[in-house]
Amino acid sequence: MYMKLMKLTKYETARIMGARALQIAMGAPALIKTKEKDSIKIALKEFKKGVIPLTIIRE
């Protein structure tokens, strides 16, 4: 939800997507219902729906 309020840079987006895809590949459950097997595609769908539980802290 917080990520929807702020505009992310392409680097922040890539970092979030990569981190979430790695979690899924290592066995973490998907946060959306999908028949997709590719962890990157699942992470992309989760990102587009705004359900990835990661926070960006800018300094």
Protein backbone atom coordinates (compact mmCIF):
# COMPACT_ATOMS: atom_id res chain seq x y z
CA MET A 1 0.00 0.00 0.00
CA TYR A 2 2.81 2.42 0.89
CA MET A 3 4.48 1.82 -2.47
CA LYS A 4 1.34 2.96 -4.25
CA LEU A 5 1.60 6.37 -2.58
CA MET A 6 5.13 7.10 -3.77
CA LYS A 7 6.67 6.94 -7.21
CA LEU A 8 9.44 4.37 -7.31
CA THR A 9 12.54 4.72 -9.44
CA LYS A 10 13.34 1.98 -11.93
CA TYR A 11 16.16 0.86 -9.63
CA GLU A 12 13.85 0.56 -6.62
CA THR A 13 11.34 -1.35 -8.73
CA ALA A 14 14.02 -3.75 -9.98
CA ARG A 15 15.32 -4.30 -6.43
CA ILE A 16 11.85 -5.06 -5.06
CA MET A 17 10.99 -7.36 -7.96
CA GLY A 18 14.29 -9.22 -7.68
CA ALA A 19 14.02 -9.65 -3.92
CA ARG A 20 10.45 -10.93 -4.14
CA ALA A 21 11.22 -13.25 -7.07
CA LEU A 22 14.10 -14.74 -5.06
CA GLN A 23 11.82 -15.29 -2.07
CA ILE A 24 9.29 -17.09 -4.28
CA ALA A 25 12.01 -19.17 -5.94
CA MET A 26 13.28 -20.21 -2.50
CA GLY A 27 9.83 -21.50 -1.51
CA ALA A 28 7.91 -18.52 -0.13
CA PRO A 29 4.19 -18.71 -0.90
CA ALA A 30 2.77 -16.45 -3.59
CA LEU A 31 0.56 -13.68 -2.24
CA ILE A 32 -1.86 -13.92 -5.16
CA LYS A 33 -3.66 -16.84 -6.71
CA THR A 34 -2.00 -17.77 -9.97
CA LYS A 35 -1.16 -20.84 -12.01
CA GLU A 36 2.11 -19.24 -13.08
CA LYS A 37 5.28 -21.20 -12.28
CA ASP A 38 7.90 -18.54 -13.09
CA SER A 39 8.89 -16.64 -9.93
CA ILE A 40 9.67 -13.44 -11.85
CA LYS A 41 6.24 -13.39 -13.49
CA ILE A 42 4.57 -14.04 -10.13
CA ALA A 43 6.57 -11.20 -8.55
CA LEU A 44 5.55 -8.88 -11.41
CA LYS A 45 1.87 -9.72 -10.91
CA GLU A 46 2.19 -9.16 -7.15
CA PHE A 47 3.93 -5.84 -7.76
CA LYS A 48 1.23 -4.65 -10.14
CA LYS A 49 -1.45 -5.56 -7.57
CA GLY A 50 0.49 -3.82 -4.80
CA VAL A 51 0.62 -6.76 -2.40
CA ILE A 52 4.39 -7.15 -1.99
CA PRO A 53 5.19 -6.68 1.71
CA LEU A 54 8.44 -4.75 1.25
CA THR A 55 9.12 -1.14 2.21
CA ILE A 56 11.46 1.39 0.64
CA ILE A 57 13.28 3.72 3.03
CA ARG A 58 14.97 6.68 1.38
CA GLU A 59 17.65 8.62 3.15
